Amino acid sequence: MQAVLAAPAPPSRLAFFPYSQEPPAAMWRSFFLAVGAYVCLLGVESLAIHKAVLKPQMRSGQVVAPARDVTPPEWAPWSLLAGGSIVVLYSLTLMRKQPG
């Protein structure tokens, strides 16, 4: 008599998230909050400065890349602040994990 081998069952979603049946939504919430806060900070920084000078890259005493001037465009500060605040507000509206 021959033994019939069954194919292994595909991994369950619960194998990756053993304590809940849904992926961790708190990670998405904190990710969007961090991205929104970062974009808001970039907007505030571009409001405060008019030009940033990046120092040249040097390797063993030789200049690899020259110094660069970075000037934010006129629209950047307020657009970054508005976009970042919208992303922060979106992250606050994401559903929290219910206790219990």
C-alpha atoms as a PDB file:
ATOM      1  CA  MET A   1       0.000   0.000   0.000  1.00  0.00           C
ATOM      2  CA  GLN A   2       1.334   3.441  -0.941  1.00  0.00           C
ATOM      3  CA  ALA A   3       1.233   6.390   1.390  1.00  0.00           C
ATOM      4  CA  VAL A   4      -0.418   9.483  -0.023  1.00  0.00           C
ATOM      5  CA  LEU A   5       1.440  12.665   0.880  1.00  0.00           C
ATOM      6  CA  ALA A   6      -0.624  15.801   1.120  1.00  0.00           C
ATOM      7  CA  ALA A   7       0.751  19.116  -0.068  1.00  0.00           C
ATOM      8  CA  PRO A   8       1.743  21.442   2.758  1.00  0.00           C
ATOM      9  CA  ALA A   9      -0.835  24.049   3.633  1.00  0.00           C
ATOM     10  CA  PRO A  10       0.000  27.632   2.642  1.00  0.00           C
ATOM     11  CA  PRO A  11       1.090  29.841   5.527  1.00  0.00           C
ATOM     12  CA  SER A  12      -1.748  31.593   7.260  1.00  0.00           C
ATOM     13  CA  ARG A  13      -1.870  35.354   7.716  1.00  0.00           C
ATOM     14  CA  LEU A  14      -2.011  34.632  11.433  1.00  0.00           C
ATOM     15  CA  ALA A  15       1.488  33.174  11.241  1.00  0.00           C
ATOM     16  CA  PHE A  16       2.815  36.660  10.576  1.00  0.00           C
ATOM     17  CA  PHE A  17       0.527  38.423  13.059  1.00  0.00           C
ATOM     18  CA  PRO A  18       0.025  35.899  15.850  1.00  0.00           C
ATOM     19  CA  TYR A  19      -1.728  38.231  18.302  1.00  0.00           C
ATOM     20  CA  SER A  20      -4.306  39.725  15.978  1.00  0.00           C
ATOM     21  CA  GLN A  21      -6.096  38.947  12.774  1.00  0.00           C
ATOM     22  CA  GLU A  22      -5.180  42.231  11.070  1.00  0.00           C
ATOM     23  CA  PRO A  23      -1.806  43.739  10.189  1.00  0.00           C
ATOM     24  CA  PRO A  24      -0.576  46.312  12.704  1.00  0.00           C
ATOM     25  CA  ALA A  25      -2.271  49.566  11.712  1.00  0.00           C
ATOM     26  CA  ALA A  26      -0.330  51.462  14.378  1.00  0.00           C
ATOM     27  CA  MET A  27       2.770  51.214  12.214  1.00  0.00           C
ATOM     28  CA  TRP A  28       1.033  52.970   9.308  1.00  0.00           C
ATOM     29  CA  ARG A  29      -0.256  55.609  11.685  1.00  0.00           C
ATOM     30  CA  SER A  30       3.187  56.355  13.085  1.00  0.00           C
ATOM     31  CA  PHE A  31       4.760  56.217   9.612  1.00  0.00           C
ATOM     32  CA  PHE A  32       2.403  58.877   8.229  1.00  0.00           C
ATOM     33  CA  LEU A  33       2.815  60.973  11.370  1.00  0.00           C
ATOM     34  CA  ALA A  34       6.607  60.897  11.015  1.00  0.00           C
ATOM     35  CA  VAL A  35       6.511  61.727   7.298  1.00  0.00           C
ATOM     36  CA  GLY A  36       4.088  64.607   7.882  1.00  0.00           C
ATOM     37  CA  ALA A  37       6.156  66.033  10.723  1.00  0.00           C
ATOM     38  CA  TYR A  38       9.325  65.773   8.619  1.00  0.00           C
ATOM     39  CA  VAL A  39       7.719  67.584   5.677  1.00  0.00           C
ATOM     40  CA  CYS A  40       6.407  70.301   8.027  1.00  0.00           C
ATOM     41  CA  LEU A  41       9.900  70.758   9.441  1.00  0.00           C
ATOM     42  CA  LEU A  42      11.304  71.077   5.925  1.00  0.00           C
ATOM     43  CA  GLY A  43       8.716  73.777   5.253  1.00  0.00           C
ATOM     44  CA  VAL A  44       9.630  75.702   8.402  1.00  0.00           C
ATOM     45  CA  GLU A  45      13.310  75.362   7.568  1.00  0.00           C
ATOM     46  CA  SER A  46      12.802  76.649   4.028  1.00  0.00           C
ATOM     47  CA  LEU A  47      10.883  79.614   5.480  1.00  0.00           C
ATOM     48  CA  ALA A  48      13.810  80.455   7.745  1.00  0.00           C
ATOM     49  CA  ILE A  49      16.668  80.189   5.247  1.00  0.00           C
ATOM     50  CA  HIS A  50      17.108  81.760   1.839  1.00  0.00           C
ATOM     51  CA  LYS A  51      20.086  79.691   0.702  1.00  0.00           C
ATOM     52  CA  ALA A  52      21.968  76.650   2.000  1.00  0.00           C
ATOM     53  CA  VAL A  53      25.578  75.985   1.026  1.00  0.00           C
ATOM     54  CA  LEU A  54      26.591  72.328   1.018  1.00  0.00           C
ATOM     55  CA  LYS A  55      30.255  71.746   1.750  1.00  0.00           C
ATOM     56  CA  PRO A  56      32.419  70.015  -0.868  1.00  0.00           C
ATOM     57  CA  GLN A  57      33.038  66.275  -0.645  1.00  0.00           C
ATOM     58  CA  MET A  58      36.677  65.441  -0.052  1.00  0.00           C
ATOM     59  CA  ARG A  59      38.523  62.130  -0.256  1.00  0.00           C
ATOM     60  CA  SER A  60      42.179  61.934   0.702  1.00  0.00           C
ATOM     61  CA  GLY A  61      42.620  65.668   0.333  1.00  0.00           C
ATOM     62  CA  GLN A  62      41.064  65.935  -3.145  1.00  0.00           C
ATOM     63  CA  VAL A  63      37.719  67.544  -3.945  1.00  0.00           C
ATOM     64  CA  VAL A  64      35.339  64.898  -5.308  1.00  0.00           C
ATOM     65  CA  ALA A  65      32.257  67.126  -5.580  1.00  0.00           C
ATOM     66  CA  PRO A  66      32.345  70.936  -5.408  1.00  0.00           C
ATOM     67  CA  ALA A  67      30.334  73.032  -2.956  1.00  0.00           C
ATOM     68  CA  ARG A  68      26.696  73.542  -3.999  1.00  0.00           C
ATOM     69  CA  ASP A  69      24.180  76.277  -3.285  1.00  0.00           C
ATOM     70  CA  VAL A  70      20.629  75.082  -2.622  1.00  0.00           C
ATOM     71  CA  THR A  71      17.956  77.762  -2.895  1.00  0.00           C
ATOM     72  CA  PRO A  72      14.381  76.664  -2.158  1.00  0.00           C
ATOM     73  CA  PRO A  73      11.830  77.868  -4.732  1.00  0.00           C
ATOM     74  CA  GLU A  74       9.331  80.557  -3.798  1.00  0.00           C
ATOM     75  CA  TRP A  75       6.454  78.070  -3.483  1.00  0.00           C
ATOM     76  CA  ALA A  76       8.319  75.492  -1.341  1.00  0.00           C
ATOM     77  CA  PRO A  77       7.826  76.743   2.251  1.00  0.00           C
ATOM     78  CA  TRP A  78       4.047  77.080   2.247  1.00  0.00           C
ATOM     79  CA  SER A  79       3.480  74.045   0.042  1.00  0.00           C
ATOM     80  CA  LEU A  80       5.596  71.844   2.307  1.00  0.00           C
ATOM     81  CA  LEU A  81       3.856  73.173   5.419  1.00  0.00           C
ATOM     82  CA  ALA A  82       0.405  72.610   3.899  1.00  0.00           C
ATOM     83  CA  GLY A  83       1.212  69.137   2.581  1.00  0.00           C
ATOM     84  CA  GLY A  84       2.860  68.066   5.823  1.00  0.00           C
ATOM     85  CA  SER A  85      -0.038  69.290   7.945  1.00  0.00           C
ATOM     86  CA  ILE A  86      -2.518  67.420   5.739  1.00  0.00           C
ATOM     87  CA  VAL A  87      -0.496  64.217   6.153  1.00  0.00           C
ATOM     88  CA  VAL A  88      -0.343  64.738   9.946  1.00  0.00           C
ATOM     89  CA  LEU A  89      -4.108  65.253  10.078  1.00  0.00           C
ATOM     90  CA  TYR A  90      -4.588  62.129   7.955  1.00  0.00           C
ATOM     91  CA  SER A  91      -2.420  60.111  10.321  1.00  0.00           C
ATOM     92  CA  LEU A  92      -4.528  61.273  13.260  1.00  0.00           C
ATOM     93  CA  THR A  93      -7.709  60.071  11.545  1.00  0.00           C
ATOM     94  CA  LEU A  94      -6.397  56.550  10.964  1.00  0.00           C
ATOM     95  CA  MET A  95      -8.157  54.018  13.118  1.00  0.00           C
ATOM     96  CA  ARG A  96      -6.457  53.153  16.391  1.00  0.00           C
ATOM     97  CA  LYS A  97      -6.312  49.611  17.656  1.00  0.00           C
ATOM     98  CA  GLN A  98      -9.173  49.115  20.093  1.00  0.00           C
ATOM     99  CA  PRO A  99      -8.082  47.864  23.537  1.00  0.00           C
ATOM    100  CA  GLY A 100      -9.366  44.529  24.631  1.00  0.00           C
END
